[in-house]
N, C-alpha and C. Protein backbone atom coordinates (compact mmCIF):
# COMPACT_ATOMS: atom_id res chain seq x y z
N MET A 1 65.96 149.76 182.67
CA MET A 1 67.16 150.22 182.00
C MET A 1 68.15 150.72 183.04
N GLN A 2 69.40 150.37 182.86
CA GLN A 2 70.44 150.80 183.79
C GLN A 2 70.72 152.29 183.63
N GLY A 3 71.13 152.90 184.73
CA GLY A 3 71.59 154.27 184.66
C GLY A 3 73.08 154.29 184.36
N LEU A 4 73.58 155.45 183.97
CA LEU A 4 75.01 155.57 183.65
C LEU A 4 75.88 155.23 184.85
N ARG A 5 75.44 155.59 186.04
CA ARG A 5 76.25 155.30 187.23
C ARG A 5 76.46 153.80 187.38
N ASP A 6 75.42 152.99 187.13
CA ASP A 6 75.56 151.53 187.20
C ASP A 6 76.56 151.02 186.17
N VAL A 7 76.50 151.60 184.98
CA VAL A 7 77.42 151.20 183.92
C VAL A 7 78.85 151.52 184.30
N VAL A 8 79.07 152.70 184.85
CA VAL A 8 80.41 153.11 185.23
C VAL A 8 80.95 152.22 186.34
N ASP A 9 80.11 151.86 187.29
CA ASP A 9 80.57 150.98 188.36
C ASP A 9 81.07 149.66 187.80
N VAL A 10 80.41 149.14 186.78
CA VAL A 10 80.88 147.91 186.14
C VAL A 10 82.23 148.17 185.49
N GLY A 11 82.37 149.31 184.81
CA GLY A 11 83.63 149.65 184.14
C GLY A 11 84.77 149.84 185.12
N ARG A 12 84.48 150.34 186.30
CA ARG A 12 85.52 150.58 187.30
C ARG A 12 86.08 149.30 187.88
N GLY A 13 85.34 148.21 187.75
CA GLY A 13 85.79 146.95 188.30
C GLY A 13 86.97 146.37 187.55
N ARG A 14 87.26 146.88 186.39
CA ARG A 14 88.36 146.38 185.58
C ARG A 14 89.67 146.96 186.07
N GLY A 15 90.75 146.41 185.57
CA GLY A 15 92.07 146.92 185.94
C GLY A 15 92.26 148.35 185.48
N VAL A 16 93.11 149.06 186.17
CA VAL A 16 93.38 150.45 185.82
C VAL A 16 94.24 150.48 184.56
N THR A 17 93.86 151.31 183.62
CA THR A 17 94.65 151.45 182.40
C THR A 17 95.53 152.66 182.51
N THR A 18 96.49 152.74 181.61
CA THR A 18 97.35 153.92 181.59
C THR A 18 96.65 155.10 180.96
N ARG A 19 95.55 154.84 180.27
CA ARG A 19 94.74 155.90 179.66
C ARG A 19 93.28 155.71 180.07
N PRO A 20 92.93 156.15 181.27
CA PRO A 20 91.58 155.88 181.78
C PRO A 20 90.46 156.60 181.03
N TRP A 21 90.78 157.52 180.17
CA TRP A 21 89.75 158.23 179.40
C TRP A 21 89.31 157.41 178.17
N ILE A 22 90.00 156.33 177.85
CA ILE A 22 89.63 155.49 176.71
C ILE A 22 88.47 154.58 177.13
N VAL A 23 87.41 154.61 176.36
CA VAL A 23 86.22 153.80 176.63
C VAL A 23 86.30 152.55 175.77
N ASP A 24 86.48 151.38 176.40
CA ASP A 24 86.61 150.14 175.63
C ASP A 24 85.26 149.73 175.05
N ASP A 25 85.30 148.72 174.19
CA ASP A 25 84.09 148.30 173.47
C ASP A 25 82.98 147.82 174.40
N ASP A 26 83.34 147.08 175.45
CA ASP A 26 82.33 146.57 176.38
C ASP A 26 81.61 147.70 177.11
N LEU A 27 82.39 148.66 177.61
CA LEU A 27 81.79 149.79 178.32
C LEU A 27 80.97 150.65 177.37
N TRP A 28 81.48 150.88 176.16
CA TRP A 28 80.75 151.68 175.19
C TRP A 28 79.41 151.02 174.82
N ALA A 29 79.39 149.69 174.72
CA ALA A 29 78.15 148.98 174.40
C ALA A 29 77.09 149.23 175.47
N ARG A 30 77.51 149.48 176.70
CA ARG A 30 76.56 149.75 177.78
C ARG A 30 76.18 151.23 177.85
N ILE A 31 77.09 152.10 177.48
CA ILE A 31 76.84 153.54 177.58
C ILE A 31 76.04 154.07 176.38
N GLU A 32 76.39 153.64 175.19
CA GLU A 32 75.80 154.21 173.97
C GLU A 32 74.27 154.25 173.98
N PRO A 33 73.58 153.18 174.39
CA PRO A 33 72.12 153.24 174.36
C PRO A 33 71.53 154.23 175.36
N LEU A 34 72.31 154.65 176.34
CA LEU A 34 71.81 155.58 177.35
C LEU A 34 71.93 157.04 176.94
N LEU A 35 72.71 157.31 175.91
CA LEU A 35 72.91 158.69 175.47
C LEU A 35 71.76 159.13 174.57
N PRO A 36 71.33 160.36 174.73
CA PRO A 36 70.25 160.85 173.85
C PRO A 36 70.76 161.01 172.42
N PRO A 37 69.91 160.80 171.44
CA PRO A 37 70.34 160.97 170.06
C PRO A 37 70.62 162.44 169.75
N TRP A 38 71.50 162.67 168.83
CA TRP A 38 71.79 164.03 168.39
C TRP A 38 70.62 164.48 167.53
N PRO A 39 70.10 165.70 167.77
CA PRO A 39 68.95 166.16 166.98
C PRO A 39 69.28 166.21 165.49
N GLU A 40 68.37 165.71 164.68
CA GLU A 40 68.60 165.70 163.23
C GLU A 40 68.66 167.11 162.65
N ARG A 41 67.96 168.04 163.27
CA ARG A 41 67.91 169.40 162.74
C ARG A 41 68.81 170.35 163.51
N SER A 42 69.87 169.85 164.11
CA SER A 42 70.77 170.74 164.83
C SER A 42 71.62 171.52 163.83
N PRO A 43 72.00 172.74 164.18
CA PRO A 43 72.79 173.54 163.24
C PRO A 43 74.17 172.94 163.04
N GLY A 44 74.60 172.88 161.82
CA GLY A 44 75.93 172.38 161.50
C GLY A 44 76.00 170.87 161.57
N PRO A 45 77.06 170.32 161.00
CA PRO A 45 77.21 168.86 161.03
C PRO A 45 77.65 168.37 162.40
N LYS A 46 77.34 167.13 162.68
CA LYS A 46 77.85 166.49 163.90
C LYS A 46 79.25 165.99 163.54
N PRO A 47 80.28 166.70 163.97
CA PRO A 47 81.61 166.43 163.43
C PRO A 47 82.34 165.22 164.01
N VAL A 48 82.00 164.79 165.19
CA VAL A 48 82.75 163.72 165.86
C VAL A 48 81.76 162.71 166.45
N PRO A 49 82.05 161.42 166.33
CA PRO A 49 81.16 160.42 166.95
C PRO A 49 81.08 160.61 168.46
N ASP A 50 79.94 160.21 169.03
CA ASP A 50 79.71 160.37 170.48
C ASP A 50 80.80 159.72 171.32
N ARG A 51 81.27 158.55 170.90
CA ARG A 51 82.29 157.85 171.69
C ARG A 51 83.56 158.69 171.81
N LEU A 52 83.97 159.30 170.71
CA LEU A 52 85.17 160.15 170.75
C LEU A 52 84.93 161.39 171.61
N CYS A 53 83.73 161.96 171.51
CA CYS A 53 83.41 163.12 172.36
C CYS A 53 83.47 162.74 173.83
N LEU A 54 82.91 161.58 174.17
CA LEU A 54 82.95 161.13 175.56
C LEU A 54 84.39 160.96 176.03
N GLN A 55 85.22 160.38 175.20
CA GLN A 55 86.63 160.20 175.56
C GLN A 55 87.33 161.55 175.73
N GLY A 56 86.97 162.51 174.89
CA GLY A 56 87.53 163.86 175.05
C GLY A 56 87.10 164.49 176.36
N ILE A 57 85.83 164.31 176.72
CA ILE A 57 85.32 164.82 178.00
C ILE A 57 86.07 164.19 179.16
N LEU A 58 86.24 162.87 179.11
CA LEU A 58 86.95 162.17 180.17
C LEU A 58 88.41 162.60 180.24
N TYR A 59 89.02 162.87 179.09
CA TYR A 59 90.41 163.34 179.06
C TYR A 59 90.52 164.69 179.77
N VAL A 60 89.63 165.60 179.44
CA VAL A 60 89.64 166.94 180.06
C VAL A 60 89.45 166.82 181.58
N LEU A 61 88.51 165.99 181.99
CA LEU A 61 88.26 165.83 183.43
C LEU A 61 89.43 165.14 184.13
N HIS A 62 89.99 164.12 183.50
CA HIS A 62 91.11 163.38 184.10
C HIS A 62 92.33 164.29 184.29
N HIS A 63 92.60 165.11 183.29
CA HIS A 63 93.79 165.97 183.33
C HIS A 63 93.52 167.33 183.96
N ASP A 64 92.25 167.59 184.30
CA ASP A 64 91.87 168.84 184.94
C ASP A 64 92.38 170.05 184.14
N ILE A 65 92.06 170.03 182.84
CA ILE A 65 92.46 171.13 181.96
C ILE A 65 91.21 171.84 181.45
N SER A 66 91.40 173.01 180.91
CA SER A 66 90.26 173.73 180.31
C SER A 66 89.94 173.10 178.96
N TRP A 67 88.71 173.31 178.53
CA TRP A 67 88.27 172.74 177.25
C TRP A 67 89.16 173.18 176.10
N GLN A 68 89.65 174.41 176.13
CA GLN A 68 90.47 174.93 175.05
C GLN A 68 91.81 174.20 174.92
N LEU A 69 92.24 173.53 175.98
CA LEU A 69 93.53 172.86 175.97
C LEU A 69 93.46 171.39 175.55
N LEU A 70 92.29 170.92 175.15
CA LEU A 70 92.18 169.54 174.66
C LEU A 70 92.95 169.44 173.34
N PRO A 71 93.99 168.60 173.29
CA PRO A 71 94.80 168.51 172.06
C PRO A 71 94.02 167.92 170.89
N LEU A 72 93.99 168.61 169.78
CA LEU A 72 93.29 168.13 168.59
C LEU A 72 93.91 166.84 168.06
N GLU A 73 95.22 166.68 168.27
CA GLU A 73 95.88 165.50 167.73
C GLU A 73 95.40 164.19 168.35
N LEU A 74 94.70 164.25 169.46
CA LEU A 74 94.17 163.03 170.08
C LEU A 74 92.98 162.48 169.29
N GLY A 75 92.37 163.30 168.45
CA GLY A 75 91.26 162.84 167.62
C GLY A 75 89.90 162.87 168.27
N PHE A 76 89.77 163.56 169.42
CA PHE A 76 88.50 163.64 170.12
C PHE A 76 87.67 164.83 169.64
N GLY A 77 88.19 165.60 168.73
CA GLY A 77 87.54 166.83 168.33
C GLY A 77 88.05 167.97 169.20
N SER A 78 87.54 169.14 168.97
CA SER A 78 87.98 170.29 169.75
C SER A 78 87.34 170.26 171.14
N GLY A 79 87.91 171.00 172.04
CA GLY A 79 87.32 171.13 173.36
C GLY A 79 85.91 171.67 173.29
N GLN A 80 85.68 172.61 172.37
CA GLN A 80 84.35 173.18 172.22
C GLN A 80 83.35 172.12 171.75
N THR A 81 83.77 171.26 170.84
CA THR A 81 82.90 170.18 170.37
C THR A 81 82.54 169.25 171.51
N CYS A 82 83.53 168.86 172.30
CA CYS A 82 83.28 167.96 173.44
C CYS A 82 82.39 168.64 174.47
N TRP A 83 82.62 169.93 174.71
CA TRP A 83 81.77 170.66 175.66
C TRP A 83 80.33 170.70 175.18
N ARG A 84 80.13 170.93 173.88
CA ARG A 84 78.77 170.97 173.33
C ARG A 84 78.07 169.62 173.47
N CYS A 85 78.83 168.55 173.27
CA CYS A 85 78.26 167.21 173.47
C CYS A 85 77.82 167.04 174.93
N LEU A 86 78.69 167.40 175.84
CA LEU A 86 78.38 167.30 177.26
C LEU A 86 77.15 168.14 177.59
N ASP A 87 77.09 169.35 177.05
CA ASP A 87 75.95 170.22 177.28
C ASP A 87 74.66 169.58 176.75
N HIS A 88 74.74 168.98 175.58
CA HIS A 88 73.57 168.32 174.99
C HIS A 88 73.11 167.16 175.86
N TRP A 89 74.04 166.37 176.38
CA TRP A 89 73.70 165.20 177.19
C TRP A 89 73.15 165.59 178.55
N GLN A 90 73.44 166.80 179.02
CA GLN A 90 72.98 167.23 180.35
C GLN A 90 71.67 168.00 180.32
N ARG A 91 71.17 168.35 179.17
CA ARG A 91 69.97 169.18 179.08
C ARG A 91 68.77 168.51 179.75
N PRO A 92 67.90 169.33 180.33
CA PRO A 92 66.67 168.76 180.90
C PRO A 92 65.89 168.00 179.85
N GLY A 93 65.30 166.89 180.27
CA GLY A 93 64.56 166.07 179.33
C GLY A 93 65.41 165.02 178.66
N SER A 94 66.72 165.12 178.84
CA SER A 94 67.61 164.12 178.28
C SER A 94 67.42 162.81 179.04
N SER A 95 67.55 161.70 178.35
CA SER A 95 67.34 160.41 179.01
C SER A 95 68.50 160.00 179.89
N SER A 96 69.59 160.73 179.83
CA SER A 96 70.75 160.41 180.65
C SER A 96 71.45 161.69 181.07
N SER A 97 72.41 161.54 181.94
CA SER A 97 73.16 162.69 182.40
C SER A 97 74.63 162.32 182.52
N CYS A 98 75.47 163.05 181.81
CA CYS A 98 76.90 162.78 181.91
C CYS A 98 77.43 163.21 183.27
N ILE A 99 76.70 164.07 183.95
CA ILE A 99 77.12 164.43 185.32
C ILE A 99 77.09 163.17 186.17
N ALA A 100 76.04 162.35 186.03
CA ALA A 100 75.97 161.09 186.78
C ALA A 100 77.12 160.18 186.37
N PHE A 101 77.45 160.19 185.10
CA PHE A 101 78.54 159.35 184.60
C PHE A 101 79.88 159.78 185.21
N CYS A 102 80.09 161.06 185.28
CA CYS A 102 81.38 161.59 185.74
C CYS A 102 81.49 161.70 187.24
N SER A 103 80.38 161.60 187.93
CA SER A 103 80.37 161.75 189.37
C SER A 103 80.94 160.51 190.05
N PRO A 104 81.85 160.69 191.01
CA PRO A 104 82.42 159.53 191.70
C PRO A 104 81.44 158.88 192.66
N ASN A 105 80.37 159.55 193.05
CA ASN A 105 79.41 159.00 194.02
C ASN A 105 78.30 158.22 193.35
């Protein structure tokens, strides 16, 4: 199974978009199976799909803003929601790591 870093390297080979935080269908098809499932018994509803959370995370990182400044009108959910997704994906025992995804190396 490929790691997230391998998937991102494939995605980087494409032309630069004006909105690099948008994850296209091809890249999402490679990333989605690598993300751990959301626990069925987690408190509260899962309010935003993983793809939108990932795009929100990438938006925050690209613009170098705090989580609280993620605009709700973009449809990625709140900064807190995206942060919680990132936290969930980084936990020990997770099958993937968004740190590897976001790391340039």
